[in-house]
N, C-alpha and C. Protein backbone atom coordinates (compact mmCIF):
# COMPACT_ATOMS: atom_id res chain seq x y z
N MET A 1 129.93 61.26 85.34
CA MET A 1 128.85 61.73 86.21
C MET A 1 128.82 63.25 86.24
N LYS A 2 130.01 63.85 86.34
CA LYS A 2 130.07 65.29 86.43
C LYS A 2 129.62 65.93 85.11
N LYS A 3 129.98 65.31 83.98
CA LYS A 3 129.58 65.85 82.68
C LYS A 3 128.07 65.78 82.51
N GLU A 4 127.48 64.70 82.98
CA GLU A 4 126.03 64.56 82.89
C GLU A 4 125.33 65.61 83.75
N LEU A 5 125.87 65.84 84.94
CA LEU A 5 125.30 66.85 85.84
C LEU A 5 125.41 68.24 85.21
N ILE A 6 126.57 68.53 84.63
CA ILE A 6 126.75 69.83 83.99
C ILE A 6 125.81 69.96 82.80
N LYS A 7 125.61 68.87 82.05
CA LYS A 7 124.71 68.91 80.89
C LYS A 7 123.27 69.19 81.34
N THR A 8 122.82 68.54 82.40
CA THR A 8 121.46 68.80 82.89
C THR A 8 121.33 70.22 83.45
N LEU A 9 122.40 70.70 84.09
CA LEU A 9 122.37 72.08 84.60
C LEU A 9 122.32 73.09 83.45
N ILE A 10 123.04 72.79 82.37
CA ILE A 10 123.00 73.68 81.19
C ILE A 10 121.59 73.72 80.62
N GLU A 11 120.96 72.55 80.53
CA GLU A 11 119.58 72.50 80.01
C GLU A 11 118.63 73.29 80.92
N LYS A 12 118.79 73.12 82.23
CA LYS A 12 117.95 73.88 83.17
C LYS A 12 118.21 75.38 83.05
N TYR A 13 119.51 75.74 82.88
CA TYR A 13 119.87 77.15 82.78
C TYR A 13 119.26 77.77 81.53
N GLU A 14 119.34 77.05 80.42
CA GLU A 14 118.77 77.56 79.16
C GLU A 14 117.25 77.63 79.23
N ALA A 15 116.64 76.72 79.98
CA ALA A 15 115.18 76.75 80.13
C ALA A 15 114.73 77.81 81.14
N GLY A 16 115.68 78.29 81.96
CA GLY A 16 115.34 79.31 82.94
C GLY A 16 114.78 78.75 84.23
N THR A 17 115.02 77.48 84.50
CA THR A 17 114.47 76.86 85.71
C THR A 17 115.54 76.52 86.74
N SER A 18 116.78 76.93 86.51
CA SER A 18 117.84 76.60 87.46
C SER A 18 117.81 77.55 88.65
N THR A 19 118.32 77.05 89.77
CA THR A 19 118.40 77.88 90.97
C THR A 19 119.72 78.63 90.97
N LEU A 20 119.87 79.56 91.91
CA LEU A 20 121.10 80.33 92.00
C LEU A 20 122.29 79.44 92.36
N GLU A 21 122.06 78.48 93.22
CA GLU A 21 123.15 77.57 93.60
C GLU A 21 123.60 76.73 92.40
N GLU A 22 122.63 76.26 91.61
CA GLU A 22 122.98 75.47 90.43
C GLU A 22 123.75 76.31 89.42
N GLU A 23 123.34 77.55 89.23
CA GLU A 23 124.05 78.43 88.30
C GLU A 23 125.47 78.70 88.79
N GLN A 24 125.61 78.92 90.08
CA GLN A 24 126.94 79.17 90.64
C GLN A 24 127.84 77.93 90.44
N PHE A 25 127.31 76.76 90.69
CA PHE A 25 128.07 75.52 90.48
C PHE A 25 128.45 75.38 89.01
N LEU A 26 127.52 75.72 88.12
CA LEU A 26 127.76 75.59 86.68
C LEU A 26 128.87 76.53 86.23
N PHE A 27 128.85 77.77 86.69
CA PHE A 27 129.86 78.73 86.26
C PHE A 27 131.23 78.42 86.87
N GLU A 28 131.26 77.85 88.05
CA GLU A 28 132.54 77.50 88.67
C GLU A 28 133.18 76.29 88.00
N ASN A 29 132.37 75.41 87.47
CA ASN A 29 132.88 74.19 86.82
C ASN A 29 132.74 74.25 85.31
N ALA A 30 132.77 75.43 84.73
CA ALA A 30 132.58 75.57 83.29
C ALA A 30 133.85 75.28 82.51
N ASP A 31 134.95 75.06 83.18
CA ASP A 31 136.22 74.83 82.49
C ASP A 31 136.20 73.54 81.67
N ASN A 32 135.45 72.56 82.09
CA ASN A 32 135.43 71.26 81.43
C ASN A 32 134.32 71.13 80.39
N SER A 33 133.59 72.19 80.12
CA SER A 33 132.43 72.08 79.22
C SER A 33 132.69 72.83 77.92
N GLU A 34 131.63 73.14 77.23
CA GLU A 34 131.71 73.75 75.91
C GLU A 34 132.36 75.13 75.96
N ALA A 35 132.84 75.57 74.82
CA ALA A 35 133.54 76.86 74.73
C ALA A 35 132.58 78.02 74.94
N THR A 36 131.35 77.91 74.45
CA THR A 36 130.39 79.01 74.62
C THR A 36 130.03 79.19 76.08
N LEU A 37 129.89 78.08 76.78
CA LEU A 37 129.58 78.16 78.21
C LEU A 37 130.76 78.73 78.98
N GLN A 38 131.97 78.36 78.57
CA GLN A 38 133.16 78.92 79.22
C GLN A 38 133.22 80.43 79.04
N THR A 39 132.90 80.89 77.84
CA THR A 39 132.91 82.32 77.56
C THR A 39 131.85 83.04 78.39
N TRP A 40 130.67 82.44 78.41
CA TRP A 40 129.57 83.04 79.18
C TRP A 40 129.89 83.05 80.68
N ALA A 41 130.47 82.00 81.19
CA ALA A 41 130.84 81.92 82.60
C ALA A 41 131.89 82.96 82.94
N ALA A 42 132.86 83.15 82.04
CA ALA A 42 133.89 84.18 82.27
C ALA A 42 133.26 85.56 82.29
N PHE A 43 132.32 85.81 81.39
CA PHE A 43 131.64 87.11 81.35
C PHE A 43 130.86 87.35 82.65
N VAL A 44 130.14 86.35 83.10
CA VAL A 44 129.33 86.49 84.32
C VAL A 44 130.22 86.73 85.53
N THR A 45 131.30 85.99 85.65
CA THR A 45 132.17 86.17 86.82
C THR A 45 132.87 87.52 86.81
N ARG A 46 133.24 88.03 85.63
CA ARG A 46 133.88 89.35 85.56
C ARG A 46 132.91 90.49 85.87
N ASN A 47 131.68 90.34 85.47
CA ASN A 47 130.71 91.43 85.62
C ASN A 47 129.78 91.24 86.82
N LYS A 48 130.15 90.38 87.70
CA LYS A 48 129.34 90.16 88.90
C LYS A 48 129.45 91.39 89.79
N ILE A 49 128.32 91.94 90.17
CA ILE A 49 128.28 93.15 91.00
C ILE A 49 127.91 92.74 92.41
N ALA A 50 128.66 93.26 93.35
CA ALA A 50 128.38 92.95 94.75
C ALA A 50 127.20 93.78 95.23
N VAL A 51 126.36 93.16 96.01
CA VAL A 51 125.19 93.85 96.56
C VAL A 51 125.64 94.69 97.75
N PRO A 52 125.26 95.97 97.79
CA PRO A 52 125.64 96.81 98.94
C PRO A 52 125.05 96.26 100.23
N ASP A 53 125.75 96.52 101.32
CA ASP A 53 125.31 96.01 102.62
C ASP A 53 123.98 96.63 103.06
N ASN A 54 123.79 97.90 102.78
CA ASN A 54 122.59 98.59 103.26
C ASN A 54 121.52 98.71 102.19
N LEU A 55 121.48 97.78 101.26
CA LEU A 55 120.50 97.84 100.17
C LEU A 55 119.07 97.76 100.69
N ASN A 56 118.82 96.85 101.61
CA ASN A 56 117.46 96.69 102.13
C ASN A 56 116.97 97.94 102.84
N THR A 57 117.82 98.52 103.68
CA THR A 57 117.40 99.73 104.40
C THR A 57 117.21 100.90 103.45
N THR A 58 118.09 101.01 102.45
CA THR A 58 117.95 102.10 101.47
C THR A 58 116.64 101.96 100.70
N LEU A 59 116.36 100.74 100.24
CA LEU A 59 115.11 100.51 99.51
C LEU A 59 113.90 100.77 100.40
N TRP A 60 113.95 100.29 101.63
CA TRP A 60 112.82 100.47 102.54
C TRP A 60 112.57 101.95 102.81
N ASP A 61 113.64 102.70 103.03
CA ASP A 61 113.50 104.14 103.27
C ASP A 61 112.90 104.85 102.07
N SER A 62 113.33 104.47 100.86
CA SER A 62 112.77 105.11 99.67
C SER A 62 111.29 104.77 99.50
N PHE A 63 110.91 103.52 99.83
CA PHE A 63 109.49 103.15 99.75
C PHE A 63 108.67 103.94 100.75
N GLN A 64 109.19 104.10 101.96
CA GLN A 64 108.48 104.83 103.00
C GLN A 64 108.31 106.30 102.61
N LYS A 65 109.36 106.91 102.02
CA LYS A 65 109.26 108.30 101.60
C LYS A 65 108.18 108.48 100.55
N LYS A 66 108.14 107.56 99.58
CA LYS A 66 107.12 107.64 98.54
C LYS A 66 105.73 107.43 99.14
N LYS A 67 105.63 106.49 100.07
CA LYS A 67 104.34 106.21 100.70
C LYS A 67 103.86 107.41 101.51
N ASN A 68 104.77 108.02 102.28
CA ASN A 68 104.40 109.20 103.07
C ASN A 68 104.04 110.38 102.18
N LYS A 69 104.75 110.54 101.07
CA LYS A 69 104.46 111.64 100.16
C LYS A 69 103.07 111.48 99.54
N THR A 70 102.75 110.28 99.09
CA THR A 70 101.42 110.06 98.51
C THR A 70 100.33 110.21 99.57
N ARG A 71 100.63 109.78 100.80
CA ARG A 71 99.64 109.92 101.88
C ARG A 71 99.39 111.40 102.17
N ARG A 72 100.45 112.22 102.18
CA ARG A 72 100.28 113.65 102.42
C ARG A 72 99.47 114.30 101.30
N ILE A 73 99.72 113.89 100.07
CA ILE A 73 98.98 114.44 98.94
C ILE A 73 97.51 114.05 99.05
N GLN A 74 97.23 112.80 99.40
CA GLN A 74 95.84 112.35 99.54
C GLN A 74 95.14 113.10 100.66
N ILE A 75 95.81 113.29 101.78
CA ILE A 75 95.20 114.01 102.89
C ILE A 75 94.92 115.46 102.49
N GLY A 76 95.84 116.07 101.76
CA GLY A 76 95.62 117.44 101.30
C GLY A 76 94.43 117.55 100.36
N ILE A 77 94.31 116.62 99.44
CA ILE A 77 93.19 116.64 98.50
C ILE A 77 91.87 116.42 99.23
N ILE A 78 91.85 115.47 100.15
CA ILE A 78 90.62 115.21 100.90
C ILE A 78 90.25 116.41 101.77
N SER A 79 91.24 117.05 102.37
CA SER A 79 90.96 118.23 103.20
C SER A 79 90.40 119.37 102.36
N ALA A 80 90.99 119.59 101.19
CA ALA A 80 90.50 120.65 100.32
C ALA A 80 89.07 120.36 99.87
N ALA A 81 88.79 119.11 99.53
CA ALA A 81 87.44 118.74 99.10
C ALA A 81 86.44 118.93 100.23
N ALA A 82 86.82 118.56 101.44
CA ALA A 82 85.93 118.74 102.59
C ALA A 82 85.67 120.22 102.85
N SER A 83 86.68 121.04 102.71
CA SER A 83 86.50 122.48 102.92
C SER A 83 85.56 123.07 101.88
N VAL A 84 85.75 122.67 100.64
CA VAL A 84 84.88 123.17 99.57
C VAL A 84 83.44 122.73 99.82
N LEU A 85 83.25 121.47 100.20
CA LEU A 85 81.89 120.99 100.48
C LEU A 85 81.26 121.73 101.65
N LEU A 86 82.04 122.03 102.66
CA LEU A 86 81.52 122.78 103.80
C LEU A 86 81.09 124.18 103.39
N LEU A 87 81.92 124.85 102.60
CA LEU A 87 81.56 126.20 102.15
C LEU A 87 80.33 126.18 101.25
N ILE A 88 80.26 125.21 100.36
CA ILE A 88 79.09 125.10 99.48
C ILE A 88 77.83 124.85 100.31
N SER A 89 77.93 123.96 101.29
CA SER A 89 76.74 123.67 102.10
C SER A 89 76.32 124.88 102.91
N LEU A 90 77.27 125.70 103.37
CA LEU A 90 76.91 126.91 104.11
C LEU A 90 76.21 127.93 103.22
N PHE A 91 76.65 128.03 101.97
CA PHE A 91 76.01 128.98 101.06
C PHE A 91 74.64 128.50 100.60
N ILE A 92 74.50 127.20 100.42
CA ILE A 92 73.22 126.67 99.95
C ILE A 92 72.18 126.68 101.06
N TYR A 93 72.54 126.22 102.24
CA TYR A 93 71.59 126.10 103.34
C TYR A 93 71.68 127.33 104.23
N THR A 94 70.73 128.20 104.07
CA THR A 94 70.62 129.35 104.97
C THR A 94 69.25 129.27 105.60
N PRO A 95 69.18 129.00 106.89
CA PRO A 95 67.86 128.87 107.52
C PRO A 95 67.14 130.22 107.54
N ASP A 96 66.02 130.24 106.89
CA ASP A 96 65.22 131.47 106.86
C ASP A 96 64.36 131.52 108.11
N GLN A 97 64.51 132.60 108.85
CA GLN A 97 63.65 132.78 110.00
C GLN A 97 62.28 133.21 109.50
N LYS A 98 61.29 132.83 110.26
CA LYS A 98 59.94 133.19 109.87
C LYS A 98 59.80 134.70 109.97
N LYS A 99 59.56 135.31 108.84
CA LYS A 99 59.45 136.76 108.81
C LYS A 99 57.99 137.14 109.03
N LEU A 100 57.77 137.91 110.07
CA LEU A 100 56.41 138.32 110.41
C LEU A 100 56.16 139.73 109.88
N SER A 101 54.94 139.93 109.50
CA SER A 101 54.57 141.28 109.06
C SER A 101 54.43 142.17 110.30
N TYR A 102 54.34 143.45 110.05
CA TYR A 102 54.20 144.41 111.15
C TYR A 102 52.95 144.12 111.97
N HIS A 103 51.87 143.77 111.29
CA HIS A 103 50.60 143.50 111.96
C HIS A 103 50.72 142.27 112.88
N GLU A 104 51.37 141.20 112.40
CA GLU A 104 51.54 139.99 113.21
C GLU A 104 52.41 140.27 114.43
N LYS A 105 53.44 141.08 114.26
CA LYS A 105 54.29 141.45 115.40
C LYS A 105 53.49 142.22 116.44
N GLU A 106 52.63 143.09 115.97
CA GLU A 106 51.82 143.89 116.89
C GLU A 106 50.88 143.00 117.69
N ILE A 107 50.28 141.99 117.04
CA ILE A 107 49.37 141.08 117.73
C ILE A 107 50.13 140.29 118.80
N LEU A 108 51.31 139.77 118.47
CA LEU A 108 52.11 139.02 119.44
C LEU A 108 52.53 139.89 120.62
N LEU A 109 52.89 141.12 120.36
CA LEU A 109 53.28 142.03 121.43
C LEU A 109 52.11 142.30 122.36
N ASN A 110 50.93 142.51 121.79
CA ASN A 110 49.74 142.75 122.62
C ASN A 110 49.40 141.53 123.47
N LYS A 111 49.54 140.31 122.91
CA LYS A 111 49.29 139.10 123.69
C LYS A 111 50.26 139.01 124.86
N ALA A 112 51.52 139.31 124.61
CA ALA A 112 52.52 139.25 125.68
C ALA A 112 52.22 140.28 126.75
N LEU A 113 51.83 141.47 126.36
CA LEU A 113 51.49 142.51 127.33
C LEU A 113 50.26 142.12 128.15
N ASN A 114 49.29 141.49 127.51
CA ASN A 114 48.09 141.05 128.24
C ASN A 114 48.43 139.97 129.27
N MET A 115 49.38 139.10 128.95
CA MET A 115 49.78 138.07 129.91
C MET A 115 50.41 138.71 131.14
N ILE A 116 51.19 139.72 130.93
CA ILE A 116 51.85 140.39 132.05
C ILE A 116 50.85 141.22 132.84
N ALA A 117 49.93 141.87 132.17
CA ALA A 117 48.97 142.75 132.83
C ALA A 117 47.98 141.95 133.68
N ASP A 118 47.71 140.68 133.29
CA ASP A 118 46.76 139.87 134.04
C ASP A 118 47.30 139.45 135.40
N THR A 119 48.56 139.43 135.57
CA THR A 119 49.12 139.01 136.85
C THR A 119 49.14 140.19 137.79
N THR A 120 48.64 139.96 138.96
CA THR A 120 48.66 141.02 139.98
C THR A 120 49.67 140.62 141.03
N PRO A 121 50.47 141.54 141.43
CA PRO A 121 51.49 141.18 142.43
C PRO A 121 50.84 140.88 143.76
N ILE A 122 51.37 139.93 144.44
CA ILE A 122 50.86 139.55 145.75
C ILE A 122 51.36 140.58 146.75
N GLN A 123 50.41 141.18 147.38
CA GLN A 123 50.74 142.20 148.37
C GLN A 123 50.82 141.55 149.73
N SER A 124 51.90 141.63 150.33
CA SER A 124 52.03 141.13 151.69
C SER A 124 52.86 142.14 152.45
N LYS A 125 52.60 142.17 153.66
CA LYS A 125 53.33 143.12 154.49
C LYS A 125 54.65 142.50 154.86
N GLN A 126 55.70 143.12 154.42
CA GLN A 126 57.03 142.63 154.71
C GLN A 126 57.83 143.75 155.33
N ARG A 127 58.67 143.37 156.22
CA ARG A 127 59.56 144.39 156.76
C ARG A 127 60.99 143.86 156.65
N ILE A 128 61.89 144.75 156.55
CA ILE A 128 63.29 144.42 156.35
C ILE A 128 63.92 144.16 157.70
N LEU A 129 64.50 142.96 157.83
CA LEU A 129 65.21 142.63 159.06
C LEU A 129 66.67 143.05 158.96
N TYR A 130 67.29 142.77 157.83
CA TYR A 130 68.70 143.08 157.65
C TYR A 130 68.92 143.45 156.19
N GLU A 131 69.69 144.48 155.95
CA GLU A 131 69.97 144.89 154.58
C GLU A 131 71.44 145.22 154.47
N ASP A 132 72.05 144.68 153.42
CA ASP A 132 73.47 144.90 153.17
C ASP A 132 73.63 145.14 151.67
N ASP A 133 74.87 145.35 151.23
CA ASP A 133 75.10 145.54 149.79
C ASP A 133 74.77 144.28 149.00
N LEU A 134 74.98 143.12 149.59
CA LEU A 134 74.78 141.87 148.89
C LEU A 134 73.47 141.17 149.22
N ILE A 135 72.90 141.40 150.38
CA ILE A 135 71.75 140.61 150.81
C ILE A 135 70.74 141.48 151.55
N THR A 136 69.48 141.12 151.38
CA THR A 136 68.39 141.77 152.11
C THR A 136 67.52 140.66 152.67
N ILE A 137 67.22 140.73 153.98
CA ILE A 137 66.39 139.72 154.64
C ILE A 137 65.08 140.37 155.06
N TYR A 138 63.96 139.75 154.60
CA TYR A 138 62.62 140.25 154.89
C TYR A 138 61.95 139.32 155.88
N SER A 139 60.96 139.85 156.55
CA SER A 139 60.08 139.02 157.37
C SER A 139 58.65 139.41 157.04
N SER A 140 57.76 138.44 157.15
CA SER A 140 56.35 138.72 156.86
C SER A 140 55.51 138.41 158.09
N ASN A 141 54.31 138.96 158.11
CA ASN A 141 53.41 138.78 159.25
C ASN A 141 52.54 137.54 159.09
N ASP A 142 52.57 136.89 157.98
CA ASP A 142 51.69 135.74 157.73
C ASP A 142 52.02 134.56 158.53
């Protein structure tokens, strides 16, 4: 029974479909099987490397560093592109104020003066009741 199990495990191992537990069982019980398998099992057991305890944290930290570095580079590139676009848009778009000729300015000034000249101040008799630096109080006869 054991030889048949080892034979099926060897076939699975050669096909690449064996699990880690099956391989471990195969290498531990290789003493009773073929010489090539015994040699291979001895090689595997001698060269087995122990996994460091902090392998996961070390790998995770290295992934995070690479991720943060690429993120900083992307943010820098996007910021530079946005700055360049802003500068280009400022140079391209300059709002031109409507430039008036001297004659048009003179006409507008005369219209404004006419509006002011048409208003007559309301004359009412007022007398000062109280006057200070900050406030002046008037009274009228109306």
